[in-house]
Amino acid sequence: MLKEIKTAIQKKQIVTIRLNNGDIMQGIPDACTDRVTMRSVYGPVWVPLDEIKHVSRLIKFERKKDPVRI
């Protein structure tokens, strides 16, 4: 779980975090110490690591442009 958060921080990826109480949060993590600091649509959020049950990362694939074919 911690590895996924740190990877998302390095690559500036969006994460979805499921908390122990069932709440789901989504945003871009900024820092991870004893808690995760995230930027979400509602503003900055701080989530303690011991409250996180599951982490998912959204990985964007950039599509290469096809060469012009004649």
N, C-alpha and C. Protein backbone atom coordinates (compact mmCIF):
# COMPACT_ATOMS: atom_id res chain seq x y z
N MET A 1 0.82 -1.19 0.00
CA MET A 1 0.00 0.00 0.00
C MET A 1 0.87 1.25 0.00
N LEU A 2 1.84 1.31 0.88
CA LEU A 2 2.73 2.48 0.97
C LEU A 2 3.53 2.65 -0.32
N LYS A 3 3.93 1.52 -0.91
CA LYS A 3 4.68 1.55 -2.16
C LYS A 3 3.84 2.18 -3.28
N GLU A 4 2.56 1.83 -3.35
CA GLU A 4 1.67 2.38 -4.37
C GLU A 4 1.52 3.89 -4.20
N ILE A 5 1.42 4.35 -2.98
CA ILE A 5 1.27 5.79 -2.73
C ILE A 5 2.54 6.53 -3.13
N LYS A 6 3.70 5.99 -2.75
CA LYS A 6 4.96 6.64 -3.09
C LYS A 6 5.18 6.68 -4.60
N THR A 7 4.80 5.61 -5.31
CA THR A 7 4.92 5.59 -6.76
C THR A 7 4.01 6.64 -7.38
N ALA A 8 2.78 6.75 -6.86
CA ALA A 8 1.83 7.74 -7.36
C ALA A 8 2.34 9.16 -7.13
N ILE A 9 3.03 9.40 -6.02
CA ILE A 9 3.61 10.72 -5.74
C ILE A 9 4.68 11.05 -6.78
N GLN A 10 5.57 10.09 -7.04
CA GLN A 10 6.65 10.32 -7.99
C GLN A 10 6.13 10.57 -9.40
N LYS A 11 5.09 9.84 -9.80
CA LYS A 11 4.58 9.93 -11.17
C LYS A 11 3.39 10.86 -11.30
N LYS A 12 3.01 11.51 -10.19
CA LYS A 12 1.88 12.45 -10.18
C LYS A 12 0.61 11.81 -10.73
N GLN A 13 0.31 10.61 -10.22
CA GLN A 13 -0.87 9.86 -10.64
C GLN A 13 -2.02 10.06 -9.66
N ILE A 14 -3.23 9.89 -10.15
CA ILE A 14 -4.42 9.97 -9.31
C ILE A 14 -4.57 8.65 -8.56
N VAL A 15 -4.90 8.73 -7.27
CA VAL A 15 -5.15 7.54 -6.47
C VAL A 15 -6.58 7.56 -5.94
N THR A 16 -7.11 6.37 -5.76
CA THR A 16 -8.38 6.19 -5.07
C THR A 16 -8.06 5.44 -3.80
N ILE A 17 -8.46 6.00 -2.68
CA ILE A 17 -8.16 5.42 -1.37
C ILE A 17 -9.46 5.00 -0.71
N ARG A 18 -9.53 3.74 -0.28
CA ARG A 18 -10.68 3.25 0.47
C ARG A 18 -10.28 3.21 1.94
N LEU A 19 -11.07 3.84 2.77
CA LEU A 19 -10.78 3.92 4.20
C LEU A 19 -11.43 2.75 4.95
N ASN A 20 -10.97 2.52 6.18
CA ASN A 20 -11.52 1.45 7.00
C ASN A 20 -13.01 1.62 7.27
N ASN A 21 -13.50 2.86 7.30
CA ASN A 21 -14.92 3.10 7.57
C ASN A 21 -15.79 3.01 6.31
N GLY A 22 -15.18 2.69 5.15
CA GLY A 22 -15.91 2.52 3.91
C GLY A 22 -15.91 3.74 3.00
N ASP A 23 -15.45 4.89 3.49
CA ASP A 23 -15.38 6.09 2.66
C ASP A 23 -14.34 5.90 1.56
N ILE A 24 -14.58 6.57 0.43
CA ILE A 24 -13.65 6.52 -0.69
C ILE A 24 -13.24 7.95 -1.03
N MET A 25 -11.93 8.15 -1.20
CA MET A 25 -11.39 9.46 -1.54
C MET A 25 -10.56 9.32 -2.80
N GLN A 26 -10.54 10.40 -3.59
CA GLN A 26 -9.75 10.38 -4.82
C GLN A 26 -9.01 11.70 -4.95
N GLY A 27 -7.75 11.62 -5.40
CA GLY A 27 -6.96 12.82 -5.59
C GLY A 27 -5.53 12.48 -5.98
N ILE A 28 -4.71 13.52 -6.00
CA ILE A 28 -3.29 13.36 -6.33
C ILE A 28 -2.49 13.52 -5.05
N PRO A 29 -1.77 12.48 -4.62
CA PRO A 29 -1.01 12.59 -3.38
C PRO A 29 0.22 13.49 -3.55
N ASP A 30 0.53 14.25 -2.49
CA ASP A 30 1.68 15.16 -2.50
C ASP A 30 2.81 14.66 -1.61
N ALA A 31 2.46 14.10 -0.46
CA ALA A 31 3.47 13.66 0.50
C ALA A 31 2.94 12.49 1.30
N CYS A 32 3.87 11.70 1.85
CA CYS A 32 3.47 10.54 2.64
C CYS A 32 4.47 10.37 3.78
N THR A 33 4.03 10.62 4.99
CA THR A 33 4.84 10.36 6.19
C THR A 33 4.02 9.40 7.04
N ASP A 34 3.47 9.89 8.16
CA ASP A 34 2.54 9.08 8.94
C ASP A 34 1.12 9.26 8.43
N ARG A 35 0.96 10.16 7.46
CA ARG A 35 -0.32 10.41 6.80
C ARG A 35 -0.07 10.78 5.35
N VAL A 36 -1.10 10.65 4.55
CA VAL A 36 -1.02 11.01 3.13
C VAL A 36 -1.64 12.39 2.95
N THR A 37 -0.92 13.27 2.29
CA THR A 37 -1.45 14.58 1.93
C THR A 37 -1.87 14.50 0.47
N MET A 38 -3.15 14.83 0.21
CA MET A 38 -3.69 14.71 -1.13
C MET A 38 -4.39 15.99 -1.57
N ARG A 39 -4.30 16.26 -2.88
CA ARG A 39 -5.08 17.34 -3.48
C ARG A 39 -6.31 16.69 -4.12
N SER A 40 -7.48 17.10 -3.67
CA SER A 40 -8.71 16.56 -4.23
C SER A 40 -9.57 17.70 -4.75
N VAL A 41 -10.71 17.37 -5.32
CA VAL A 41 -11.61 18.40 -5.83
C VAL A 41 -12.17 19.26 -4.70
N TYR A 42 -12.10 18.76 -3.47
CA TYR A 42 -12.61 19.49 -2.31
C TYR A 42 -11.53 20.28 -1.59
N GLY A 43 -10.30 20.24 -2.12
CA GLY A 43 -9.19 20.94 -1.49
C GLY A 43 -8.20 19.94 -0.91
N PRO A 44 -7.24 20.42 -0.12
CA PRO A 44 -6.25 19.51 0.46
C PRO A 44 -6.87 18.62 1.53
N VAL A 45 -6.42 17.36 1.55
CA VAL A 45 -6.93 16.36 2.50
C VAL A 45 -5.75 15.65 3.13
N TRP A 46 -5.84 15.36 4.42
CA TRP A 46 -4.82 14.61 5.13
C TRP A 46 -5.46 13.34 5.65
N VAL A 47 -4.87 12.19 5.30
CA VAL A 47 -5.42 10.89 5.69
C VAL A 47 -4.34 10.11 6.44
N PRO A 48 -4.58 9.73 7.71
CA PRO A 48 -3.62 8.90 8.44
C PRO A 48 -3.47 7.53 7.78
N LEU A 49 -2.25 7.02 7.71
CA LEU A 49 -1.99 5.73 7.06
C LEU A 49 -2.75 4.58 7.70
N ASP A 50 -2.94 4.64 9.02
CA ASP A 50 -3.63 3.53 9.69
C ASP A 50 -5.13 3.48 9.40
N GLU A 51 -5.67 4.51 8.75
CA GLU A 51 -7.09 4.52 8.37
C GLU A 51 -7.31 4.02 6.94
N ILE A 52 -6.22 3.79 6.18
CA ILE A 52 -6.33 3.36 4.78
C ILE A 52 -6.42 1.85 4.70
N LYS A 53 -7.45 1.38 3.97
CA LYS A 53 -7.65 -0.06 3.78
C LYS A 53 -7.10 -0.53 2.43
N HIS A 54 -7.29 0.30 1.36
CA HIS A 54 -6.87 -0.10 0.02
C HIS A 54 -6.53 1.13 -0.81
N VAL A 55 -5.53 0.98 -1.69
CA VAL A 55 -5.11 2.07 -2.58
C VAL A 55 -5.10 1.56 -4.02
N SER A 56 -5.67 2.35 -4.93
CA SER A 56 -5.62 2.05 -6.36
C SER A 56 -5.05 3.27 -7.08
N ARG A 57 -4.19 3.02 -8.08
CA ARG A 57 -3.62 4.11 -8.88
C ARG A 57 -4.26 4.13 -10.24
N LEU A 58 -4.46 5.33 -10.78
CA LEU A 58 -4.93 5.51 -12.14
C LEU A 58 -3.72 5.78 -13.01
N ILE A 59 -3.45 4.89 -13.94
CA ILE A 59 -2.27 5.00 -14.79
C ILE A 59 -2.72 5.43 -16.19
N LYS A 60 -2.23 6.58 -16.62
CA LYS A 60 -2.58 7.07 -17.95
C LYS A 60 -1.53 6.61 -18.95
N PHE A 61 -2.01 6.13 -20.07
CA PHE A 61 -1.12 5.75 -21.16
C PHE A 61 -1.20 6.82 -22.23
N GLU A 62 -0.06 7.34 -22.60
CA GLU A 62 -0.05 8.33 -23.66
C GLU A 62 0.04 7.61 -24.99
N ARG A 63 -0.81 8.01 -25.87
CA ARG A 63 -0.88 7.38 -27.17
C ARG A 63 0.07 8.08 -28.12
N LYS A 64 0.90 7.30 -28.78
CA LYS A 64 1.80 7.87 -29.77
C LYS A 64 1.01 8.16 -31.03
N LYS A 65 1.33 9.28 -31.65
CA LYS A 65 0.64 9.64 -32.89
C LYS A 65 1.12 8.74 -34.01
N ASP A 66 0.18 8.26 -34.79
CA ASP A 66 0.51 7.42 -35.93
C ASP A 66 1.12 8.29 -37.02
N PRO A 67 2.14 7.80 -37.68
CA PRO A 67 2.70 8.57 -38.79
C PRO A 67 1.68 8.70 -39.90
N VAL A 68 1.76 9.76 -40.63
CA VAL A 68 0.82 10.01 -41.74
C VAL A 68 1.10 8.99 -42.83
N ARG A 69 0.05 8.28 -43.21
CA ARG A 69 0.20 7.29 -44.28
C ARG A 69 -0.46 7.80 -45.54
N ILE A 70 0.24 7.64 -46.64
CA ILE A 70 -0.29 8.11 -47.94
C ILE A 70 -0.63 6.92 -48.80
